Amino acid sequence: MKRFFITIDTEGDNLWAWQSGDPIYTENARFLPRFQSLCEEYGWKPNYLSNYEMVSDPFFRDFAGNKQAQGLCEVGMHLHAWNCPPAGEELPKGENGGADYLIEYPERDMEDKIAFMTELIEKKIGMRPVSHRAGRWATDERYFRLLQKYG
């Protein structure tokens, strides 16, 4: 039997063009039910890898929480360190325009952010996340160790 995974980074609108200080909107969440319907038609179970602003969006929380409770999707973590509470140590603004990678923070700040997102997803969506994609794919040994610690 062949298997494949459908993962969707569910995050704020147009974040690749985001600059520090810009507002972040989540209008793209309103298009997910159409995609989810397609997945259900074919028996696929997508994994919505979700960041802070998406998990904070009431529309997404209701939609994804209900679908996950029905076993029709999974909600995982997609941590963008630059806008995920708690703030942590202020980092110098480099080439990313303020979009800091989690691995640029001290380990205590990394852990605080991972713990915060894990708890937020569990509280707002209804299930502890068991899947993860690092924001902008940045990982290191500390990151993997902390993810393992939080399940």
Protein backbone atom coordinates (compact mmCIF):
# COMPACT_ATOMS: atom_id res chain seq x y z
CA MET A 1 0.00 0.00 0.00
CA LYS A 2 1.36 3.42 -0.96
CA ARG A 3 0.82 6.34 1.38
CA PHE A 4 1.38 10.02 1.12
CA PHE A 5 0.95 12.96 3.44
CA ILE A 6 -0.90 16.15 2.66
CA THR A 7 0.48 18.97 4.76
CA ILE A 8 -0.64 22.57 4.53
CA ASP A 9 1.16 25.42 6.24
CA THR A 10 -1.82 27.30 7.66
CA GLU A 11 -0.51 30.71 8.51
CA GLY A 12 -1.29 34.37 7.98
CA ASP A 13 -1.83 35.83 4.55
CA ASN A 14 1.25 36.45 2.38
CA LEU A 15 3.81 36.05 5.15
CA TRP A 16 6.70 35.74 2.70
CA ALA A 17 6.22 39.45 1.98
CA TRP A 18 5.68 40.40 5.65
CA GLN A 19 7.89 43.06 7.23
CA SER A 20 8.20 43.87 10.92
CA GLY A 21 5.28 46.05 12.01
CA ASP A 22 2.92 44.93 9.24
CA PRO A 23 -0.47 43.64 10.39
CA ILE A 24 -1.13 39.93 9.79
CA TYR A 25 -4.50 38.83 8.44
CA THR A 26 -5.95 35.32 8.16
CA GLU A 27 -8.53 35.66 5.38
CA ASN A 28 -7.03 32.61 3.69
CA ALA A 29 -8.61 30.42 6.41
CA ARG A 30 -11.99 30.98 4.71
CA PHE A 31 -10.80 28.92 1.72
CA LEU A 32 -9.89 25.82 3.72
CA PRO A 33 -13.41 24.30 3.84
CA ARG A 34 -13.39 24.04 0.03
CA PHE A 35 -10.05 22.23 0.13
CA GLN A 36 -11.21 20.04 3.02
CA SER A 37 -14.29 19.01 1.02
CA LEU A 38 -12.05 17.88 -1.82
CA CYS A 39 -9.93 15.88 0.63
CA GLU A 40 -13.00 14.22 2.11
CA GLU A 41 -14.32 13.35 -1.35
CA TYR A 42 -11.15 11.34 -2.00
CA GLY A 43 -10.73 9.98 1.53
CA TRP A 44 -7.66 12.08 2.29
CA LYS A 45 -6.85 13.41 5.76
CA PRO A 46 -4.89 16.67 5.51
CA ASN A 47 -2.58 17.94 8.20
CA TYR A 48 -2.96 21.66 8.83
CA LEU A 49 0.40 22.77 10.25
CA SER A 50 -0.73 25.92 12.00
CA ASN A 51 1.02 28.94 13.44
CA TYR A 52 0.06 31.40 16.15
CA GLU A 53 -2.15 33.78 14.20
CA MET A 54 -4.09 30.93 12.58
CA VAL A 55 -4.73 29.12 15.88
CA SER A 56 -5.84 32.51 17.24
CA ASP A 57 -8.36 32.97 14.40
CA PRO A 58 -11.90 31.97 15.56
CA PHE A 59 -12.97 30.78 12.09
CA PHE A 60 -9.97 28.47 11.76
CA ARG A 61 -10.33 27.18 15.32
CA ASP A 62 -13.98 26.24 14.77
CA PHE A 63 -13.39 24.73 11.34
CA ALA A 64 -10.24 22.75 12.15
CA GLY A 65 -11.31 21.79 15.65
CA ASN A 66 -14.58 20.30 14.36
CA LYS A 67 -12.91 18.47 11.49
CA GLN A 68 -10.18 17.10 13.73
CA ALA A 69 -12.78 15.92 16.28
CA GLN A 70 -14.45 14.01 13.41
CA GLY A 71 -11.12 12.42 12.47
CA LEU A 72 -11.06 14.20 9.10
CA CYS A 73 -7.87 16.23 9.57
CA GLU A 74 -5.00 16.79 11.93
CA VAL A 75 -3.80 20.10 13.31
CA GLY A 76 -0.08 20.32 13.94
CA MET A 77 2.30 23.08 14.91
CA HIS A 78 4.04 25.45 12.50
CA LEU A 79 5.98 27.76 14.79
CA HIS A 80 7.04 31.17 13.49
CA ALA A 81 9.28 32.44 16.27
CA TRP A 82 9.09 36.10 15.30
CA ASN A 83 5.40 36.47 16.19
CA CYS A 84 4.75 33.62 18.60
CA PRO A 85 4.44 34.56 22.26
CA PRO A 86 6.15 34.90 24.59
CA ALA A 87 8.36 37.59 23.10
CA GLY A 88 11.68 36.23 24.34
CA GLU A 89 15.01 37.93 23.94
CA GLU A 90 15.08 40.71 21.35
CA LEU A 91 17.29 39.71 18.45
CA PRO A 92 19.14 42.00 16.04
CA LYS A 93 17.10 42.59 12.89
CA GLY A 94 19.00 40.93 10.10
CA GLU A 95 18.29 39.94 6.53
CA ASN A 96 14.92 38.37 7.41
CA GLY A 97 13.33 41.75 8.16
CA GLY A 98 12.49 40.70 11.71
CA ALA A 99 11.20 37.23 10.80
CA ASP A 100 13.51 35.44 13.21
CA TYR A 101 14.13 31.71 13.16
CA LEU A 102 13.43 29.84 16.39
CA ILE A 103 16.98 28.48 16.43
CA GLU A 104 18.32 32.05 16.70
CA TYR A 105 16.85 32.34 20.21
CA PRO A 106 18.38 31.07 23.45
CA GLU A 107 17.13 27.60 24.36
CA ARG A 108 14.97 28.90 27.23
CA ASP A 109 13.06 31.14 24.78
CA MET A 110 12.77 28.27 22.30
CA GLU A 111 11.22 26.09 24.98
CA ASP A 112 8.84 28.83 26.12
CA LYS A 113 7.56 29.27 22.56
CA ILE A 114 7.18 25.53 21.91
CA ALA A 115 5.39 25.06 25.23
CA PHE A 116 3.11 28.03 24.50
CA MET A 117 2.13 26.79 21.02
CA THR A 118 1.63 23.21 22.19
CA GLU A 119 -0.71 24.36 24.95
CA LEU A 120 -2.50 26.87 22.70
CA ILE A 121 -3.27 24.25 20.05
CA GLU A 122 -4.45 21.79 22.68
CA LYS A 123 -6.68 24.41 24.32
CA LYS A 124 -8.09 26.07 21.20
CA ILE A 125 -8.30 23.10 18.80
CA GLY A 126 -8.99 20.37 21.33
CA MET A 127 -6.08 18.00 20.84
CA ARG A 128 -2.38 18.14 21.61
CA PRO A 129 -0.36 18.49 18.40
CA VAL A 130 1.81 15.52 17.41
CA SER A 131 3.12 16.87 14.11
CA HIS A 132 5.30 19.87 13.43
CA ARG A 133 7.03 21.85 10.71
CA ALA A 134 9.58 24.46 11.66
CA GLY A 135 8.91 27.97 10.42
CA ARG A 136 11.12 28.48 7.38
CA TRP A 137 12.47 24.94 7.91
CA ALA A 138 15.09 26.05 10.46
CA THR A 139 15.97 23.31 12.97
CA ASP A 140 18.83 22.16 15.12
CA GLU A 141 19.51 19.55 17.80
CA ARG A 142 17.98 21.70 20.57
CA TYR A 143 14.78 22.14 18.57
CA PHE A 144 14.37 18.39 18.04
CA ARG A 145 15.06 17.68 21.71
CA LEU A 146 12.42 20.23 22.81
CA LEU A 147 9.85 18.90 20.36
CA GLN A 148 10.39 15.42 21.73
CA LYS A 149 10.00 16.75 25.28
CA TYR A 150 6.59 18.26 24.41
CA GLY A 151 5.36 15.23 22.50
